[in-house]
């Protein structure tokens, strides 16, 4: 899931405020007990923010990689693509090129990741603890379908990519036919592996213009779109 620029700014600002506050208090007081208490509070706050911080770092790394693709590629981040039922689906990254449209889902998991292409759920193993996670291939296929219908393209022109953080060890079984599952350092190689021209210049310009219109222009618009999207996600989880 993509964090988004606004949330990235909030996370960064919050961390700076915490560090600044703690540093100020430590300079104003020399009480060992108070300093220890502040350190404990700071550690707790950072632990609570760790998932968001990990997500931010993962998103930053993927963004950094995608920006280095070159002039033949156009990169879009954190788009809310309309679906046929009048709702939206959040897509982490969409990259357009003459070689196809890449729909990329980022996963900031750690540990061993087990799963097969058509299983409904995969398994994350971290320090002997097992967690069930929804098959990201199935999740991203929903994004691919939404993008296909929205852009009115043949599905064969889209490439589904699932990219895990460097802390994940992929133990997935078999050769996947419906998606590429990889890690961030190998992302560029996966994208560059497609080198056949399948989209014309005219069609590519039309696609980029259509996706450009999905960019959220203001904070108010972003707030309402995200609010409605989260509401729909909670509704789906309730009945799944």
C-alpha atoms as a PDB file:
ATOM      1  CA  UNK A   1       0.000   0.000   0.000  1.00  0.00           C
ATOM      2  CA  UNK A   2       1.263   3.433  -0.888  1.00  0.00           C
ATOM      3  CA  UNK A   3       1.687   5.888   1.952  1.00  0.00           C
ATOM      4  CA  UNK A   4       1.388   9.048  -0.115  1.00  0.00           C
ATOM      5  CA  UNK A   5       3.297  12.312   0.018  1.00  0.00           C
ATOM      6  CA  UNK A   6       1.102  13.932   2.671  1.00  0.00           C
ATOM      7  CA  UNK A   7       1.548  11.038   5.095  1.00  0.00           C
ATOM      8  CA  UNK A   8       5.288  10.973   4.376  1.00  0.00           C
ATOM      9  CA  UNK A   9       5.506  14.627   5.403  1.00  0.00           C
ATOM     10  CA  UNK A  10       3.474  13.975   8.559  1.00  0.00           C
ATOM     11  CA  UNK A  11       5.704  11.056   9.587  1.00  0.00           C
ATOM     12  CA  UNK A  12       8.886  13.029   8.977  1.00  0.00           C
ATOM     13  CA  UNK A  13       7.583  16.102  10.809  1.00  0.00           C
ATOM     14  CA  UNK A  14       6.427  14.024  13.777  1.00  0.00           C
ATOM     15  CA  UNK A  15       9.826  12.362  14.150  1.00  0.00           C
ATOM     16  CA  UNK A  16      11.592  15.733  14.007  1.00  0.00           C
ATOM     17  CA  UNK A  17       9.226  17.176  16.633  1.00  0.00           C
ATOM     18  CA  UNK A  18       9.845  14.223  18.964  1.00  0.00           C
ATOM     19  CA  UNK A  19      13.619  14.473  18.579  1.00  0.00           C
ATOM     20  CA  UNK A  20      13.576  18.249  19.024  1.00  0.00           C
ATOM     21  CA  UNK A  21      11.358  18.076  22.106  1.00  0.00           C
ATOM     22  CA  UNK A  22      13.509  15.431  23.769  1.00  0.00           C
ATOM     23  CA  UNK A  23      16.731  17.286  22.971  1.00  0.00           C
ATOM     24  CA  UNK A  24      15.339  20.538  24.415  1.00  0.00           C
ATOM     25  CA  UNK A  25      14.203  18.912  27.656  1.00  0.00           C
ATOM     26  CA  UNK A  26      17.544  17.162  28.087  1.00  0.00           C
ATOM     27  CA  UNK A  27      19.376  20.456  27.686  1.00  0.00           C
ATOM     28  CA  UNK A  28      17.137  22.203  30.222  1.00  0.00           C
ATOM     29  CA  UNK A  29      17.334  19.514  32.877  1.00  0.00           C
ATOM     30  CA  UNK A  30      20.104  17.387  34.269  1.00  0.00           C
ATOM     31  CA  UNK A  31      17.841  14.970  36.115  1.00  0.00           C
ATOM     32  CA  UNK A  32      18.913  11.394  35.203  1.00  0.00           C
ATOM     33  CA  UNK A  33      15.463  10.058  36.114  1.00  0.00           C
ATOM     34  CA  UNK A  34      13.680  12.540  33.834  1.00  0.00           C
ATOM     35  CA  UNK A  35      16.128  11.911  31.008  1.00  0.00           C
ATOM     36  CA  UNK A  36      15.558   8.158  31.331  1.00  0.00           C
ATOM     37  CA  UNK A  37      11.787   8.677  31.296  1.00  0.00           C
ATOM     38  CA  UNK A  38      12.018  10.805  28.156  1.00  0.00           C
ATOM     39  CA  UNK A  39      14.155   8.175  26.446  1.00  0.00           C
ATOM     40  CA  UNK A  40      11.591   5.484  27.304  1.00  0.00           C
ATOM     41  CA  UNK A  41       8.733   7.630  25.981  1.00  0.00           C
ATOM     42  CA  UNK A  42      10.689   8.350  22.810  1.00  0.00           C
ATOM     43  CA  UNK A  43      11.426   4.658  22.298  1.00  0.00           C
ATOM     44  CA  UNK A  44       7.733   3.787  22.719  1.00  0.00           C
ATOM     45  CA  UNK A  45       6.639   6.462  20.240  1.00  0.00           C
ATOM     46  CA  UNK A  46       9.191   5.345  17.663  1.00  0.00           C
ATOM     47  CA  UNK A  47       8.078   1.731  18.102  1.00  0.00           C
ATOM     48  CA  UNK A  48       4.452   2.714  17.507  1.00  0.00           C
ATOM     49  CA  UNK A  49       5.491   4.615  14.389  1.00  0.00           C
ATOM     50  CA  UNK A  50       7.786   1.859  13.121  1.00  0.00           C
ATOM     51  CA  UNK A  51       5.291   0.329  10.632  1.00  0.00           C
ATOM     52  CA  UNK A  52       4.613   3.735   9.061  1.00  0.00           C
ATOM     53  CA  UNK A  53       8.306   4.580   9.074  1.00  0.00           C
ATOM     54  CA  UNK A  54       9.171   1.280   7.373  1.00  0.00           C
ATOM     55  CA  UNK A  55       6.477   1.938   4.808  1.00  0.00           C
ATOM     56  CA  UNK A  56       7.823   5.428   4.196  1.00  0.00           C
ATOM     57  CA  UNK A  57      11.372   4.164   3.650  1.00  0.00           C
ATOM     58  CA  UNK A  58      10.155   1.412   1.329  1.00  0.00           C
ATOM     59  CA  UNK A  59       8.099   3.867  -0.714  1.00  0.00           C
ATOM     60  CA  UNK A  60      11.019   6.279  -0.900  1.00  0.00           C
ATOM     61  CA  UNK A  61      13.323   3.525  -2.179  1.00  0.00           C
ATOM     62  CA  UNK A  62      10.843   2.407  -4.853  1.00  0.00           C
ATOM     63  CA  UNK A  63      10.270   6.016  -5.940  1.00  0.00           C
ATOM     64  CA  UNK A  64      14.028   6.518  -6.170  1.00  0.00           C
ATOM     65  CA  UNK A  65      14.394   3.426  -8.353  1.00  0.00           C
ATOM     66  CA  UNK A  66      11.530   4.316 -10.680  1.00  0.00           C
ATOM     67  CA  UNK A  67      12.810   7.856 -11.238  1.00  0.00           C
ATOM     68  CA  UNK A  68      15.968   6.363 -12.737  1.00  0.00           C
ATOM     69  CA  UNK A  69      14.143   4.458 -15.488  1.00  0.00           C
ATOM     70  CA  UNK A  70      14.750   7.073 -18.168  1.00  0.00           C
ATOM     71  CA  UNK A  71      12.827   9.272 -20.591  1.00  0.00           C
ATOM     72  CA  UNK A  72      10.874   6.431 -22.191  1.00  0.00           C
ATOM     73  CA  UNK A  73       9.012   5.840 -18.928  1.00  0.00           C
ATOM     74  CA  UNK A  74       6.473   7.994 -17.100  1.00  0.00           C
ATOM     75  CA  UNK A  75       5.884   7.295 -13.416  1.00  0.00           C
ATOM     76  CA  UNK A  76       2.677   7.900 -11.446  1.00  0.00           C
ATOM     77  CA  UNK A  77       2.421   7.369  -7.693  1.00  0.00           C
ATOM     78  CA  UNK A  78      -0.504   6.787  -5.349  1.00  0.00           C
ATOM     79  CA  UNK A  79      -3.387   6.916  -7.810  1.00  0.00           C
ATOM     80  CA  UNK A  80      -7.032   6.219  -6.972  1.00  0.00           C
ATOM     81  CA  UNK A  81      -8.396   4.525 -10.069  1.00  0.00           C
ATOM     82  CA  UNK A  82     -12.188   4.483 -10.595  1.00  0.00           C
ATOM     83  CA  UNK A  83     -13.818   1.051 -10.805  1.00  0.00           C
ATOM     84  CA  UNK A  84     -16.946  -0.088 -12.631  1.00  0.00           C
ATOM     85  CA  UNK A  85     -18.988  -0.061  -9.391  1.00  0.00           C
ATOM     86  CA  UNK A  86     -18.372   3.635  -8.838  1.00  0.00           C
ATOM     87  CA  UNK A  87     -15.710   3.123  -6.170  1.00  0.00           C
ATOM     88  CA  UNK A  88     -11.931   3.522  -6.365  1.00  0.00           C
ATOM     89  CA  UNK A  89      -8.938   1.239  -5.984  1.00  0.00           C
ATOM     90  CA  UNK A  90      -5.602   2.562  -4.740  1.00  0.00           C
ATOM     91  CA  UNK A  91      -2.586   1.760  -6.909  1.00  0.00           C
ATOM     92  CA  UNK A  92       0.878   2.317  -5.463  1.00  0.00           C
ATOM     93  CA  UNK A  93       2.696   2.958  -8.742  1.00  0.00           C
ATOM     94  CA  UNK A  94       1.813   2.971 -12.431  1.00  0.00           C
ATOM     95  CA  UNK A  95       4.631   3.215 -14.963  1.00  0.00           C
ATOM     96  CA  UNK A  96       3.795   3.802 -18.614  1.00  0.00           C
ATOM     97  CA  UNK A  97       6.090   3.055 -21.546  1.00  0.00           C
ATOM     98  CA  UNK A  98       6.036   1.836 -25.154  1.00  0.00           C
ATOM     99  CA  UNK A  99       6.734  -1.623 -23.696  1.00  0.00           C
ATOM    100  CA  UNK A 100       3.536  -1.719 -21.665  1.00  0.00           C
ATOM    101  CA  UNK A 101       1.875  -0.375 -18.541  1.00  0.00           C
ATOM    102  CA  UNK A 102       3.383  -1.570 -15.257  1.00  0.00           C
ATOM    103  CA  UNK A 103       1.037  -1.816 -12.286  1.00  0.00           C
ATOM    104  CA  UNK A 104       3.205  -2.069  -9.175  1.00  0.00           C
ATOM    105  CA  UNK A 105       2.164  -3.086  -5.667  1.00  0.00           C
ATOM    106  CA  UNK A 106       4.718  -2.539  -2.884  1.00  0.00           C
ATOM    107  CA  UNK A 107       4.880  -4.731   0.223  1.00  0.00           C
ATOM    108  CA  UNK A 108       6.987  -3.686   3.201  1.00  0.00           C
ATOM    109  CA  UNK A 109       7.094  -7.062   4.948  1.00  0.00           C
ATOM    110  CA  UNK A 110      10.048  -8.630   6.740  1.00  0.00           C
ATOM    111  CA  UNK A 111      10.883 -12.288   7.253  1.00  0.00           C
ATOM    112  CA  UNK A 112      10.183 -15.309   5.077  1.00  0.00           C
ATOM    113  CA  UNK A 113       7.279 -15.070   2.650  1.00  0.00           C
ATOM    114  CA  UNK A 114       5.641 -18.332   1.546  1.00  0.00           C
ATOM    115  CA  UNK A 115       2.947 -18.696  -1.081  1.00  0.00           C
ATOM    116  CA  UNK A 116       1.747 -20.036  -4.406  1.00  0.00           C
ATOM    117  CA  UNK A 117       0.301 -18.115  -7.325  1.00  0.00           C
ATOM    118  CA  UNK A 118      -3.327 -19.137  -6.884  1.00  0.00           C
ATOM    119  CA  UNK A 119      -3.508 -19.483  -3.102  1.00  0.00           C
ATOM    120  CA  UNK A 120      -5.899 -17.023  -1.491  1.00  0.00           C
ATOM    121  CA  UNK A 121      -3.512 -16.340   1.377  1.00  0.00           C
ATOM    122  CA  UNK A 122       0.260 -16.361   1.776  1.00  0.00           C
ATOM    123  CA  UNK A 123       2.257 -16.765   4.984  1.00  0.00           C
ATOM    124  CA  UNK A 124       4.796 -14.482   6.617  1.00  0.00           C
ATOM    125  CA  UNK A 125       7.189 -16.114   9.086  1.00  0.00           C
ATOM    126  CA  UNK A 126       9.059 -13.744  11.380  1.00  0.00           C
ATOM    127  CA  UNK A 127      10.898 -14.964  14.488  1.00  0.00           C
ATOM    128  CA  UNK A 128       8.877 -18.217  14.477  1.00  0.00           C
ATOM    129  CA  UNK A 129       5.640 -16.217  14.403  1.00  0.00           C
ATOM    130  CA  UNK A 130       3.333 -16.869  11.464  1.00  0.00           C
ATOM    131  CA  UNK A 131       1.006 -14.260   9.988  1.00  0.00           C
ATOM    132  CA  UNK A 132      -1.492 -14.723   7.177  1.00  0.00           C
ATOM    133  CA  UNK A 133      -1.539 -12.151   4.386  1.00  0.00           C
ATOM    134  CA  UNK A 134      -3.805 -11.816   1.384  1.00  0.00           C
ATOM    135  CA  UNK A 135      -2.148 -13.053  -1.805  1.00  0.00           C
ATOM    136  CA  UNK A 136      -0.608  -9.864  -3.290  1.00  0.00           C
ATOM    137  CA  UNK A 137      -0.907 -11.298  -6.811  1.00  0.00           C
ATOM    138  CA  UNK A 138      -4.679 -11.511  -6.403  1.00  0.00           C
ATOM    139  CA  UNK A 139      -4.734  -8.069  -4.826  1.00  0.00           C
ATOM    140  CA  UNK A 140      -2.795  -6.489  -7.669  1.00  0.00           C
ATOM    141  CA  UNK A 141      -4.863  -8.304 -10.274  1.00  0.00           C
ATOM    142  CA  UNK A 142      -7.795  -6.260  -9.013  1.00  0.00           C
ATOM    143  CA  UNK A 143      -5.722  -3.148  -9.673  1.00  0.00           C
ATOM    144  CA  UNK A 144      -4.758  -4.394 -13.137  1.00  0.00           C
ATOM    145  CA  UNK A 145      -8.405  -5.006 -14.049  1.00  0.00           C
ATOM    146  CA  UNK A 146      -9.395  -1.542 -12.838  1.00  0.00           C
ATOM    147  CA  UNK A 147      -6.590   0.134 -14.814  1.00  0.00           C
ATOM    148  CA  UNK A 148      -7.411  -1.964 -17.892  1.00  0.00           C
ATOM    149  CA  UNK A 149     -11.053  -0.903 -17.907  1.00  0.00           C
ATOM    150  CA  UNK A 150     -10.309   2.702 -16.982  1.00  0.00           C
ATOM    151  CA  UNK A 151      -7.781   3.110 -19.803  1.00  0.00           C
ATOM    152  CA  UNK A 152      -9.799   0.884 -22.162  1.00  0.00           C
ATOM    153  CA  UNK A 153      -6.782  -1.272 -22.954  1.00  0.00           C
ATOM    154  CA  UNK A 154      -6.184  -4.896 -23.774  1.00  0.00           C
ATOM    155  CA  UNK A 155      -5.076  -6.619 -20.565  1.00  0.00           C
ATOM    156  CA  UNK A 156      -2.080  -8.033 -22.433  1.00  0.00           C
ATOM    157  CA  UNK A 157      -0.565  -4.546 -22.474  1.00  0.00           C
ATOM    158  CA  UNK A 158      -0.345  -4.423 -18.684  1.00  0.00           C
ATOM    159  CA  UNK A 159       2.334  -5.991 -16.487  1.00  0.00           C
ATOM    160  CA  UNK A 160       1.616  -6.843 -12.852  1.00  0.00           C
ATOM    161  CA  UNK A 161       4.579  -6.480 -10.491  1.00  0.00           C
ATOM    162  CA  UNK A 162       4.703  -7.190  -6.751  1.00  0.00           C
ATOM    163  CA  UNK A 163       7.799  -5.742  -5.084  1.00  0.00           C
ATOM    164  CA  UNK A 164       8.861  -6.645  -1.544  1.00  0.00           C
ATOM    165  CA  UNK A 165      11.349  -4.816   0.662  1.00  0.00           C
ATOM    166  CA  UNK A 166      14.916  -6.023   1.031  1.00  0.00           C
ATOM    167  CA  UNK A 167      14.058  -7.461   4.454  1.00  0.00           C
ATOM    168  CA  UNK A 168      11.762 -10.053   2.889  1.00  0.00           C
ATOM    169  CA  UNK A 169      13.060 -13.475   1.882  1.00  0.00           C
ATOM    170  CA  UNK A 170      10.805 -14.825  -0.849  1.00  0.00           C
ATOM    171  CA  UNK A 171      10.082 -18.538  -0.502  1.00  0.00           C
ATOM    172  CA  UNK A 172       7.308 -18.527  -3.085  1.00  0.00           C
ATOM    173  CA  UNK A 173       6.838 -21.703  -5.089  1.00  0.00           C
ATOM    174  CA  UNK A 174       6.573 -22.225  -8.819  1.00  0.00           C
ATOM    175  CA  UNK A 175       6.847 -19.969 -11.847  1.00  0.00           C
ATOM    176  CA  UNK A 176       4.228 -17.234 -11.840  1.00  0.00           C
ATOM    177  CA  UNK A 177       2.416 -16.509 -15.085  1.00  0.00           C
ATOM    178  CA  UNK A 178       0.103 -13.676 -14.009  1.00  0.00           C
ATOM    179  CA  UNK A 179       2.604 -11.449 -12.189  1.00  0.00           C
ATOM    180  CA  UNK A 180       6.251 -10.833 -11.404  1.00  0.00           C
ATOM    181  CA  UNK A 181       7.140 -11.105  -7.712  1.00  0.00           C
ATOM    182  CA  UNK A 182      10.470  -9.546  -6.810  1.00  0.00           C
ATOM    183  CA  UNK A 183      12.374  -7.362  -4.341  1.00  0.00           C
ATOM    184  CA  UNK A 184      13.281  -3.685  -4.666  1.00  0.00           C
ATOM    185  CA  UNK A 185      16.902  -4.192  -5.841  1.00  0.00           C
ATOM    186  CA  UNK A 186      15.662  -6.371  -8.724  1.00  0.00           C
ATOM    187  CA  UNK A 187      12.757  -4.121  -9.717  1.00  0.00           C
ATOM    188  CA  UNK A 188      14.604  -2.300 -12.504  1.00  0.00           C
ATOM    189  CA  UNK A 189      15.704  -5.579 -14.082  1.00  0.00           C
ATOM    190  CA  UNK A 190      12.113  -6.857 -14.121  1.00  0.00           C
ATOM    191  CA  UNK A 191      10.815  -3.676 -15.756  1.00  0.00           C
ATOM    192  CA  UNK A 192      13.630  -3.589 -18.318  1.00  0.00           C
ATOM    193  CA  UNK A 193      13.004  -7.244 -19.218  1.00  0.00           C
ATOM    194  CA  UNK A 194      10.078  -6.043 -21.341  1.00  0.00           C
ATOM    195  CA  UNK A 195      11.625  -4.623 -24.502  1.00  0.00           C
ATOM    196  CA  UNK A 196       9.030  -5.163 -27.241  1.00  0.00           C
ATOM    197  CA  UNK A 197       7.088  -2.137 -28.458  1.00  0.00           C
ATOM    198  CA  UNK A 198       3.391  -2.794 -27.876  1.00  0.00           C
ATOM    199  CA  UNK A 199       2.036   0.753 -27.391  1.00  0.00           C
ATOM    200  CA  UNK A 200       2.228   3.488 -30.021  1.00  0.00           C
ATOM    201  CA  UNK A 201       3.372   7.040 -29.278  1.00  0.00           C
ATOM    202  CA  UNK A 202      -0.139   8.361 -29.883  1.00  0.00           C
ATOM    203  CA  UNK A 203      -1.709   5.813 -27.540  1.00  0.00           C
ATOM    204  CA  UNK A 204       0.957   6.428 -24.884  1.00  0.00           C
ATOM    205  CA  UNK A 205       0.329  10.181 -24.876  1.00  0.00           C
ATOM    206  CA  UNK A 206      -3.389   9.530 -24.502  1.00  0.00           C
ATOM    207  CA  UNK A 207      -2.768   7.137 -21.587  1.00  0.00           C
ATOM    208  CA  UNK A 208      -0.466   9.596 -19.804  1.00  0.00           C
ATOM    209  CA  UNK A 209      -2.983  12.400 -20.191  1.00  0.00           C
ATOM    210  CA  UNK A 210      -5.748  10.216 -18.754  1.00  0.00           C
ATOM    211  CA  UNK A 211      -3.637   9.170 -15.764  1.00  0.00           C
ATOM    212  CA  UNK A 212      -2.497  12.754 -15.214  1.00  0.00           C
ATOM    213  CA  UNK A 213      -6.132  13.655 -14.579  1.00  0.00           C
ATOM    214  CA  UNK A 214      -6.188  11.181 -11.670  1.00  0.00           C
ATOM    215  CA  UNK A 215      -3.561  13.125  -9.747  1.00  0.00           C
ATOM    216  CA  UNK A 216      -5.087  14.695  -6.668  1.00  0.00           C
ATOM    217  CA  UNK A 217      -4.716  18.448  -6.928  1.00  0.00           C
ATOM    218  CA  UNK A 218      -5.505  19.663  -3.405  1.00  0.00           C
ATOM    219  CA  UNK A 219      -5.454  18.549   0.227  1.00  0.00           C
ATOM    220  CA  UNK A 220      -9.243  18.769   0.556  1.00  0.00           C
ATOM    221  CA  UNK A 221      -9.795  16.544  -2.464  1.00  0.00           C
ATOM    222  CA  UNK A 222      -7.177  14.068  -1.179  1.00  0.00           C
ATOM    223  CA  UNK A 223      -8.867  13.952   2.225  1.00  0.00           C
ATOM    224  CA  UNK A 224     -12.307  13.065   0.826  1.00  0.00           C
ATOM    225  CA  UNK A 225     -10.976  10.549  -1.707  1.00  0.00           C
ATOM    226  CA  UNK A 226      -8.904   8.743   0.926  1.00  0.00           C
ATOM    227  CA  UNK A 227     -11.761   8.850   3.430  1.00  0.00           C
ATOM    228  CA  UNK A 228     -14.191   7.229   0.997  1.00  0.00           C
ATOM    229  CA  UNK A 229     -11.568   4.701  -0.093  1.00  0.00           C
ATOM    230  CA  UNK A 230     -10.796   3.630   3.495  1.00  0.00           C
ATOM    231  CA  UNK A 231     -14.510   3.322   4.176  1.00  0.00           C
ATOM    232  CA  UNK A 232     -14.900   0.985   1.209  1.00  0.00           C
ATOM    233  CA  UNK A 233     -11.852  -1.077   2.262  1.00  0.00           C
ATOM    234  CA  UNK A 234     -13.301  -1.546   5.769  1.00  0.00           C
ATOM    235  CA  UNK A 235     -16.635  -2.576   4.276  1.00  0.00           C
ATOM    236  CA  UNK A 236     -14.971  -5.224   2.099  1.00  0.00           C
ATOM    237  CA  UNK A 237     -12.991  -6.611   5.038  1.00  0.00           C
ATOM    238  CA  UNK A 238     -16.143  -6.837   7.121  1.00  0.00           C
ATOM    239  CA  UNK A 239     -17.857  -9.069   4.577  1.00  0.00           C
ATOM    240  CA  UNK A 240     -14.797 -11.040   3.425  1.00  0.00           C
END
